[in-house]
PDB file of N, CA and C in Angstrom:
ATOM      1  N   MET A   1      20.829  24.150 -71.318  1.00  0.00           N
ATOM      2  CA  MET A   1      21.378  23.808 -70.045  1.00  0.00           C
ATOM      3  C   MET A   1      21.436  22.234 -70.120  1.00  0.00           C
ATOM      4  N   THR A   2      22.708  21.785 -69.652  1.00  0.00           N
ATOM      5  CA  THR A   2      22.829  20.332 -69.700  1.00  0.00           C
ATOM      6  C   THR A   2      22.236  19.613 -68.425  1.00  0.00           C
ATOM      7  N   ALA A   3      22.244  18.278 -68.735  1.00  0.00           N
ATOM      8  CA  ALA A   3      21.621  17.573 -67.542  1.00  0.00           C
ATOM      9  C   ALA A   3      22.451  17.690 -66.259  1.00  0.00           C
ATOM     10  N   ILE A   4      23.863  17.556 -66.380  1.00  0.00           N
ATOM     11  CA  ILE A   4      24.625  17.735 -65.296  1.00  0.00           C
ATOM     12  C   ILE A   4      24.291  19.160 -64.397  1.00  0.00           C
ATOM     13  N   ASN A   5      24.067  20.127 -65.216  1.00  0.00           N
ATOM     14  CA  ASN A   5      23.743  21.386 -64.635  1.00  0.00           C
ATOM     15  C   ASN A   5      22.387  21.283 -63.803  1.00  0.00           C
ATOM     16  N   LYS A   6      21.504  20.646 -64.498  1.00  0.00           N
ATOM     17  CA  LYS A   6      20.055  20.437 -63.715  1.00  0.00           C
ATOM     18  C   LYS A   6      20.298  19.722 -62.468  1.00  0.00           C
ATOM     19  N   VAL A   7      21.169  18.691 -62.526  1.00  0.00           N
ATOM     20  CA  VAL A   7      21.155  17.845 -61.398  1.00  0.00           C
ATOM     21  C   VAL A   7      21.858  18.542 -60.265  1.00  0.00           C
ATOM     22  N   LEU A   8      23.056  19.348 -60.748  1.00  0.00           N
ATOM     23  CA  LEU A   8      23.818  19.975 -59.695  1.00  0.00           C
ATOM     24  C   LEU A   8      22.949  21.188 -59.082  1.00  0.00           C
ATOM     25  N   ILE A   9      22.118  21.889 -59.907  1.00  0.00           N
ATOM     26  CA  ILE A   9      21.339  22.889 -59.357  1.00  0.00           C
ATOM     27  C   ILE A   9      20.257  22.350 -58.428  1.00  0.00           C
ATOM     28  N   PHE A  10      19.503  21.189 -58.865  1.00  0.00           N
ATOM     29  CA  PHE A  10      18.521  20.693 -57.950  1.00  0.00           C
ATOM     30  C   PHE A  10      19.225  20.182 -56.585  1.00  0.00           C
ATOM     31  N   ALA A  11      20.278  19.491 -56.690  1.00  0.00           N
ATOM     32  CA  ALA A  11      21.045  19.043 -55.361  1.00  0.00           C
ATOM     33  C   ALA A  11      21.456  20.221 -54.624  1.00  0.00           C
ATOM     34  N   GLY A  12      22.100  21.418 -55.197  1.00  0.00           N
ATOM     35  CA  GLY A  12      22.475  22.510 -54.490  1.00  0.00           C
ATOM     36  C   GLY A  12      21.247  23.114 -53.762  1.00  0.00           C
ATOM     37  N   VAL A  13      20.183  23.397 -54.491  1.00  0.00           N
ATOM     38  CA  VAL A  13      19.045  23.986 -53.891  1.00  0.00           C
ATOM     39  C   VAL A  13      18.349  23.165 -52.716  1.00  0.00           C
ATOM     40  N   THR A  14      18.232  21.929 -52.984  1.00  0.00           N
ATOM     41  CA  THR A  14      17.872  20.952 -52.013  1.00  0.00           C
ATOM     42  C   THR A  14      18.668  21.001 -50.718  1.00  0.00           C
ATOM     43  N   LEU A  15      19.878  20.924 -50.927  1.00  0.00           N
ATOM     44  CA  LEU A  15      20.919  20.735 -49.778  1.00  0.00           C
ATOM     45  C   LEU A  15      20.794  22.172 -49.004  1.00  0.00           C
ATOM     46  N   VAL A  16      20.662  23.372 -49.600  1.00  0.00           N
ATOM     47  CA  VAL A  16      20.544  24.695 -48.923  1.00  0.00           C
ATOM     48  C   VAL A  16      19.251  24.723 -48.239  1.00  0.00           C
ATOM     49  N   LEU A  17      18.137  24.374 -48.831  1.00  0.00           N
ATOM     50  CA  LEU A  17      16.844  24.476 -48.092  1.00  0.00           C
ATOM     51  C   LEU A  17      16.865  23.502 -46.885  1.00  0.00           C
ATOM     52  N   ALA A  18      17.483  22.131 -47.122  1.00  0.00           N
ATOM     53  CA  ALA A  18      17.482  21.248 -46.027  1.00  0.00           C
ATOM     54  C   ALA A  18      18.419  21.909 -44.886  1.00  0.00           C
ATOM     55  N   GLY A  19      19.599  22.642 -45.298  1.00  0.00           N
ATOM     56  CA  GLY A  19      20.303  23.121 -44.155  1.00  0.00           C
ATOM     57  C   GLY A  19      19.515  24.303 -43.366  1.00  0.00           C
ATOM     58  N   VAL A  20      18.836  25.089 -44.115  1.00  0.00           N
ATOM     59  CA  VAL A  20      18.141  26.202 -43.467  1.00  0.00           C
ATOM     60  C   VAL A  20      16.994  25.436 -42.622  1.00  0.00           C
ATOM     61  N   GLY A  21      16.399  24.351 -43.068  1.00  0.00           N
ATOM     62  CA  GLY A  21      15.329  23.637 -42.252  1.00  0.00           C
ATOM     63  C   GLY A  21      15.984  23.074 -40.993  1.00  0.00           C
ATOM     64  N   LEU A  22      17.227  22.521 -41.135  1.00  0.00           N
ATOM     65  CA  LEU A  22      17.807  22.005 -39.959  1.00  0.00           C
ATOM     66  C   LEU A  22      18.311  23.032 -39.132  1.00  0.00           C
ATOM     67  N   GLY A  23      18.649  24.126 -39.375  1.00  0.00           N
ATOM     68  CA  GLY A  23      19.011  25.292 -38.549  1.00  0.00           C
ATOM     69  C   GLY A  23      17.791  25.755 -37.730  1.00  0.00           C
ATOM     70  N   PHE A  24      16.706  25.667 -38.145  1.00  0.00           N
ATOM     71  CA  PHE A  24      15.530  26.078 -37.517  1.00  0.00           C
ATOM     72  C   PHE A  24      14.772  24.924 -36.676  1.00  0.00           C
ATOM     73  N   ARG A  25      15.322  23.715 -36.729  1.00  0.00           N
ATOM     74  CA  ARG A  25      14.762  22.725 -36.007  1.00  0.00           C
ATOM     75  C   ARG A  25      15.188  22.794 -34.690  1.00  0.00           C
ATOM     76  N   SER A  26      14.253  22.557 -33.568  1.00  0.00           N
ATOM     77  CA  SER A  26      14.473  22.716 -32.328  1.00  0.00           C
ATOM     78  C   SER A  26      15.299  21.548 -31.650  1.00  0.00           C
ATOM     79  N   VAL A  27      16.115  21.863 -30.658  1.00  0.00           N
ATOM     80  CA  VAL A  27      17.015  20.903 -30.175  1.00  0.00           C
ATOM     81  C   VAL A  27      16.849  20.800 -28.766  1.00  0.00           C
ATOM     82  N   SER A  28      16.826  19.541 -28.134  1.00  0.00           N
ATOM     83  CA  SER A  28      16.668  19.298 -26.759  1.00  0.00           C
ATOM     84  C   SER A  28      17.745  18.406 -26.082  1.00  0.00           C
ATOM     85  N   ALA A  29      17.959  18.527 -24.873  1.00  0.00           N
ATOM     86  CA  ALA A  29      18.942  17.822 -24.117  1.00  0.00           C
ATOM     87  C   ALA A  29      18.544  17.565 -22.755  1.00  0.00           C
ATOM     88  N   GLY A  30      18.397  16.452 -22.349  1.00  0.00           N
ATOM     89  CA  GLY A  30      17.948  16.128 -21.132  1.00  0.00           C
ATOM     90  C   GLY A  30      16.723  16.649 -20.559  1.00  0.00           C
ATOM     91  N   GLY A  31      15.782  16.609 -21.522  1.00  0.00           N
ATOM     92  CA  GLY A  31      14.418  17.245 -21.188  1.00  0.00           C
ATOM     93  C   GLY A  31      14.182  18.724 -21.431  1.00  0.00           C
ATOM     94  N   ALA A  32      15.503  19.370 -21.587  1.00  0.00           N
ATOM     95  CA  ALA A  32      15.463  20.944 -21.603  1.00  0.00           C
ATOM     96  C   ALA A  32      15.463  21.216 -23.225  1.00  0.00           C
ATOM     97  N   THR A  33      14.551  22.175 -23.423  1.00  0.00           N
ATOM     98  CA  THR A  33      14.642  22.857 -24.913  1.00  0.00           C
ATOM     99  C   THR A  33      15.715  23.744 -25.039  1.00  0.00           C
ATOM    100  N   CYS A  34      16.602  23.555 -25.887  1.00  0.00           N
ATOM    101  CA  CYS A  34      17.721  24.204 -26.297  1.00  0.00           C
ATOM    102  C   CYS A  34      17.627  25.269 -27.287  1.00  0.00           C
ATOM    103  N   GLY A  35      16.454  25.235 -27.912  1.00  0.00           N
ATOM    104  CA  GLY A  35      16.225  26.239 -29.036  1.00  0.00           C
ATOM    105  C   GLY A  35      16.761  25.582 -30.316  1.00  0.00           C
ATOM    106  N   SER A  36      17.030  26.485 -31.273  1.00  0.00           N
ATOM    107  CA  SER A  36      17.655  26.062 -32.596  1.00  0.00           C
ATOM    108  C   SER A  36      19.139  26.552 -32.729  1.00  0.00           C
ATOM    109  N   VAL A  37      19.797  26.098 -33.890  1.00  0.00           N
ATOM    110  CA  VAL A  37      20.907  26.766 -34.102  1.00  0.00           C
ATOM    111  C   VAL A  37      20.960  28.179 -34.577  1.00  0.00           C
ATOM    112  N   PHE A  38      19.954  28.605 -35.259  1.00  0.00           N
ATOM    113  CA  PHE A  38      19.716  30.046 -35.529  1.00  0.00           C
ATOM    114  C   PHE A  38      19.255  30.859 -34.386  1.00  0.00           C
ATOM    115  N   GLN A  39      18.682  30.296 -33.556  1.00  0.00           N
ATOM    116  CA  GLN A  39      18.063  31.029 -32.335  1.00  0.00           C
ATOM    117  C   GLN A  39      17.940  30.139 -31.143  1.00  0.00           C
ATOM    118  N   PRO A  40      19.285  30.080 -30.392  1.00  0.00           N
ATOM    119  CA  PRO A  40      19.226  29.377 -29.111  1.00  0.00           C
ATOM    120  C   PRO A  40      18.211  29.836 -28.101  1.00  0.00           C
ATOM    121  N   ALA A  41      17.875  29.115 -27.163  1.00  0.00           N
ATOM    122  CA  ALA A  41      16.802  29.392 -26.226  1.00  0.00           C
ATOM    123  C   ALA A  41      17.442  30.531 -25.321  1.00  0.00           C
ATOM    124  N   GLY A  42      16.596  31.449 -24.896  1.00  0.00           N
ATOM    125  CA  GLY A  42      16.995  32.650 -24.154  1.00  0.00           C
ATOM    126  C   GLY A  42      17.203  32.237 -22.722  1.00  0.00           C
ATOM    127  N   GLY A  43      18.029  32.992 -22.005  1.00  0.00           N
ATOM    128  CA  GLY A  43      18.113  32.801 -20.573  1.00  0.00           C
ATOM    129  C   GLY A  43      19.280  31.714 -20.345  1.00  0.00           C
ATOM    130  N   ILE A  44      19.313  31.000 -19.234  1.00  0.00           N
ATOM    131  CA  ILE A  44      20.264  30.207 -18.822  1.00  0.00           C
ATOM    132  C   ILE A  44      19.886  28.792 -19.374  1.00  0.00           C
ATOM    133  N   THR A  45      20.725  28.205 -20.124  1.00  0.00           N
ATOM    134  CA  THR A  45      20.557  26.826 -20.616  1.00  0.00           C
ATOM    135  C   THR A  45      21.408  25.912 -19.976  1.00  0.00           C
ATOM    136  N   PRO A  46      21.000  24.693 -19.856  1.00  0.00           N
ATOM    137  CA  PRO A  46      21.858  23.672 -19.333  1.00  0.00           C
ATOM    138  C   PRO A  46      23.184  23.389 -20.155  1.00  0.00           C
ATOM    139  N   MET A  47      24.217  22.895 -19.472  1.00  0.00           N
ATOM    140  CA  MET A  47      25.420  22.681 -20.188  1.00  0.00           C
ATOM    141  C   MET A  47      25.191  21.561 -21.271  1.00  0.00           C
ATOM    142  N   ALA A  48      24.318  20.780 -21.175  1.00  0.00           N
ATOM    143  CA  ALA A  48      24.145  19.789 -22.164  1.00  0.00           C
ATOM    144  C   ALA A  48      23.738  20.283 -23.444  1.00  0.00           C
ATOM    145  N   CYS A  49      23.146  21.398 -23.538  1.00  0.00           N
ATOM    146  CA  CYS A  49      22.662  22.113 -24.697  1.00  0.00           C
ATOM    147  C   CYS A  49      23.924  22.652 -25.554  1.00  0.00           C
ATOM    148  N   ASP A  50      24.933  22.915 -24.865  1.00  0.00           N
ATOM    149  CA  ASP A  50      26.197  23.435 -25.623  1.00  0.00           C
ATOM    150  C   ASP A  50      26.686  22.376 -26.776  1.00  0.00           C
ATOM    151  N   GLY A  51      26.820  21.186 -26.330  1.00  0.00           N
ATOM    152  CA  GLY A  51      27.322  20.031 -27.257  1.00  0.00           C
ATOM    153  C   GLY A  51      26.285  19.881 -28.330  1.00  0.00           C
ATOM    154  N   ARG A  52      25.001  19.794 -27.878  1.00  0.00           N
ATOM    155  CA  ARG A  52      24.047  19.654 -28.762  1.00  0.00           C
ATOM    156  C   ARG A  52      23.868  20.531 -29.875  1.00  0.00           C
ATOM    157  N   LEU A  53      23.897  21.904 -29.327  1.00  0.00           N
ATOM    158  CA  LEU A  53      23.857  22.969 -30.477  1.00  0.00           C
ATOM    159  C   LEU A  53      25.083  23.049 -31.332  1.00  0.00           C
ATOM    160  N   ASN A  54      26.355  22.663 -30.732  1.00  0.00           N
ATOM    161  CA  ASN A  54      27.592  22.668 -31.566  1.00  0.00           C
ATOM    162  C   ASN A  54      27.412  21.583 -32.538  1.00  0.00           C
ATOM    163  N   ASN A  55      26.976  20.311 -32.147  1.00  0.00           N
ATOM    164  CA  ASN A  55      26.796  19.385 -33.108  1.00  0.00           C
ATOM    165  C   ASN A  55      25.868  19.798 -34.361  1.00  0.00           C
ATOM    166  N   SER A  56      24.746  20.328 -33.945  1.00  0.00           N
ATOM    167  CA  SER A  56      23.662  20.689 -34.951  1.00  0.00           C
ATOM    168  C   SER A  56      24.253  21.928 -35.785  1.00  0.00           C
ATOM    169  N   GLY A  57      25.028  22.724 -35.244  1.00  0.00           N
ATOM    170  CA  GLY A  57      25.697  23.859 -35.955  1.00  0.00           C
ATOM    171  C   GLY A  57      26.513  23.350 -36.961  1.00  0.00           C
ATOM    172  N   THR A  58      27.380  22.412 -36.646  1.00  0.00           N
ATOM    173  CA  THR A  58      28.301  21.628 -37.584  1.00  0.00           C
ATOM    174  C   THR A  58      27.557  21.052 -38.656  1.00  0.00           C
ATOM    175  N   LEU A  59      26.507  20.381 -38.339  1.00  0.00           N
ATOM    176  CA  LEU A  59      25.918  19.593 -39.400  1.00  0.00           C
ATOM    177  C   LEU A  59      25.148  20.626 -40.286  1.00  0.00           C
ATOM    178  N   VAL A  60      24.538  21.691 -39.835  1.00  0.00           N
ATOM    179  CA  VAL A  60      23.902  22.827 -40.668  1.00  0.00           C
ATOM    180  C   VAL A  60      24.990  23.289 -41.544  1.00  0.00           C
ATOM    181  N   THR A  61      26.168  23.684 -40.954  1.00  0.00           N
ATOM    182  CA  THR A  61      27.295  24.367 -41.821  1.00  0.00           C
ATOM    183  C   THR A  61      27.765  23.230 -42.932  1.00  0.00           C
ATOM    184  N   LEU A  62      27.902  22.033 -42.665  1.00  0.00           N
ATOM    185  CA  LEU A  62      28.223  21.150 -43.727  1.00  0.00           C
ATOM    186  C   LEU A  62      27.221  20.957 -44.875  1.00  0.00           C
ATOM    187  N   VAL A  63      25.874  20.944 -44.447  1.00  0.00           N
ATOM    188  CA  VAL A  63      24.925  20.809 -45.413  1.00  0.00           C
ATOM    189  C   VAL A  63      24.793  21.967 -46.291  1.00  0.00           C
ATOM    190  N   LEU A  64      24.922  23.178 -45.695  1.00  0.00           N
ATOM    191  CA  LEU A  64      24.893  24.413 -46.388  1.00  0.00           C
ATOM    192  C   LEU A  64      26.198  24.625 -47.326  1.00  0.00           C
ATOM    193  N   VAL A  65      27.341  24.215 -46.845  1.00  0.00           N
ATOM    194  CA  VAL A  65      28.507  24.358 -47.641  1.00  0.00           C
ATOM    195  C   VAL A  65      28.345  23.235 -48.801  1.00  0.00           C
ATOM    196  N   ALA A  66      27.911  22.173 -48.547  1.00  0.00           N
ATOM    197  CA  ALA A  66      27.663  21.206 -49.687  1.00  0.00           C
ATOM    198  C   ALA A  66      26.784  21.750 -50.684  1.00  0.00           C
ATOM    199  N   GLY A  67      25.617  22.330 -50.334  1.00  0.00           N
ATOM    200  CA  GLY A  67      24.711  22.963 -51.266  1.00  0.00           C
ATOM    201  C   GLY A  67      25.423  24.094 -52.035  1.00  0.00           C
ATOM    202  N   GLY A  68      26.204  24.874 -51.389  1.00  0.00           N
ATOM    203  CA  GLY A  68      26.874  26.066 -51.969  1.00  0.00           C
ATOM    204  C   GLY A  68      27.834  25.390 -53.078  1.00  0.00           C
ATOM    205  N   LEU A  69      28.642  24.342 -52.609  1.00  0.00           N
ATOM    206  CA  LEU A  69      29.554  23.785 -53.666  1.00  0.00           C
ATOM    207  C   LEU A  69      28.925  23.222 -54.811  1.00  0.00           C
ATOM    208  N   CYS A  70      27.634  22.722 -54.723  1.00  0.00           N
ATOM    209  CA  CYS A  70      26.927  22.094 -55.839  1.00  0.00           C
ATOM    210  C   CYS A  70      26.523  23.320 -56.800  1.00  0.00           C
ATOM    211  N   LEU A  71      26.069  24.393 -56.276  1.00  0.00           N
ATOM    212  CA  LEU A  71      25.646  25.408 -57.042  1.00  0.00           C
ATOM    213  C   LEU A  71      26.811  26.028 -57.767  1.00  0.00           C
ATOM    214  N   ALA A  72      28.027  26.181 -56.906  1.00  0.00           N
ATOM    215  CA  ALA A  72      29.304  26.742 -57.637  1.00  0.00           C
ATOM    216  C   ALA A  72      29.642  25.898 -58.784  1.00  0.00           C
ATOM    217  N   ALA A  73      29.619  24.680 -58.470  1.00  0.00           N
ATOM    218  CA  ALA A  73      30.048  23.656 -59.521  1.00  0.00           C
ATOM    219  C   ALA A  73      28.985  23.760 -60.772  1.00  0.00           C
ATOM    220  N   ALA A  74      27.649  23.907 -60.689  1.00  0.00           N
ATOM    221  CA  ALA A  74      26.915  24.181 -61.773  1.00  0.00           C
ATOM    222  C   ALA A  74      27.109  25.347 -62.573  1.00  0.00           C
ATOM    223  N   PHE A  75      27.595  26.530 -61.760  1.00  0.00           N
ATOM    224  CA  PHE A  75      27.918  27.826 -62.492  1.00  0.00           C
ATOM    225  C   PHE A  75      29.229  27.510 -63.179  1.00  0.00           C
ATOM    226  N   THR A  76      30.126  26.814 -62.644  1.00  0.00           N
ATOM    227  CA  THR A  76      31.437  26.527 -63.317  1.00  0.00           C
ATOM    228  C   THR A  76      31.192  25.765 -64.490  1.00  0.00           C
ATOM    229  N   VAL A  77      30.402  24.651 -64.560  1.00  0.00           N
ATOM    230  CA  VAL A  77      30.301  24.001 -65.677  1.00  0.00           C
ATOM    231  C   VAL A  77      29.459  24.793 -66.801  1.00  0.00           C
ATOM    232  N   LYS A  78      28.620  25.729 -66.476  1.00  0.00           N
ATOM    233  CA  LYS A  78      27.892  26.556 -67.496  1.00  0.00           C
ATOM    234  C   LYS A  78      28.923  27.470 -68.006  1.00  0.00           C
ATOM    235  N   VAL A  79      29.719  28.076 -67.247  1.00  0.00           N
ATOM    236  CA  VAL A  79      30.767  29.135 -67.637  1.00  0.00           C
ATOM    237  C   VAL A  79      31.570  28.297 -68.715  1.00  0.00           C
ATOM    238  N   VAL A  80      32.218  27.154 -68.236  1.00  0.00           N
ATOM    239  CA  VAL A  80      33.287  26.578 -69.194  1.00  0.00           C
ATOM    240  C   VAL A  80      32.450  26.163 -70.471  1.00  0.00           C
ATOM    241  N   ARG A  81      31.351  25.484 -70.351  1.00  0.00           N
ATOM    242  CA  ARG A  81      30.573  25.087 -71.537  1.00  0.00           C
ATOM    243  C   ARG A  81      30.327  26.171 -72.546  1.00  0.00           C
ATOM    244  N   ASP A  82      30.008  27.387 -72.075  1.00  0.00           N
ATOM    245  CA  ASP A  82      29.924  28.593 -72.743  1.00  0.00           C
ATOM    246  C   ASP A  82      30.986  29.107 -73.459  1.00  0.00           C
ATOM    247  N   ARG A  83      32.211  29.160 -72.787  1.00  0.00           N
ATOM    248  CA  ARG A  83      33.489  29.341 -73.361  1.00  0.00           C
ATOM    249  C   ARG A  83      33.925  28.463 -74.414  1.00  0.00           C
ATOM    250  N   VAL A  84      33.622  27.179 -74.321  1.00  0.00           N
ATOM    251  CA  VAL A  84      34.083  26.238 -75.190  1.00  0.00           C
ATOM    252  C   VAL A  84      33.267  26.392 -76.335  1.00  0.00           C
ATOM    253  N   ALA A  85      31.948  26.709 -76.156  1.00  0.00           N
ATOM    254  CA  ALA A  85      30.940  26.825 -77.368  1.00  0.00           C
ATOM    255  C   ALA A  85      31.408  28.138 -78.227  1.00  0.00           C
ATOM    256  N   ALA A  86      31.983  29.204 -77.473  1.00  0.00           N
ATOM    257  CA  ALA A  86      32.220  30.332 -78.270  1.00  0.00           C
ATOM    258  C   ALA A  86      33.428  30.357 -79.112  1.00  0.00           C
TER     259      ALA A  86
END
C-alpha cells in the first residue's frame, strides 16, 4: 500500500465519521431545539428550524461525499497500481 493510499483512506474515513457526527449533532434556532439532520424534532417545529436543518443537511452531505470521493480515489489508485504492476 502506498503512502498516497494511506492518506486517502485516512482522510476518507475521517470525513465519513465527521459527516455522521455532524448529522447527529443537535440544531437549535431561536431557542427551540430542532433535532438533528438524521432525526428532526417531532411535532410542530418553528419555521426557523427549516433553514437551519437544510443548511446542516447540506453540510453533512458535502462532508460525506468528500469522504466517499477520497475512499473512491484510494481504491482507484490501488487498482491502477496493481494493473501497472501486473
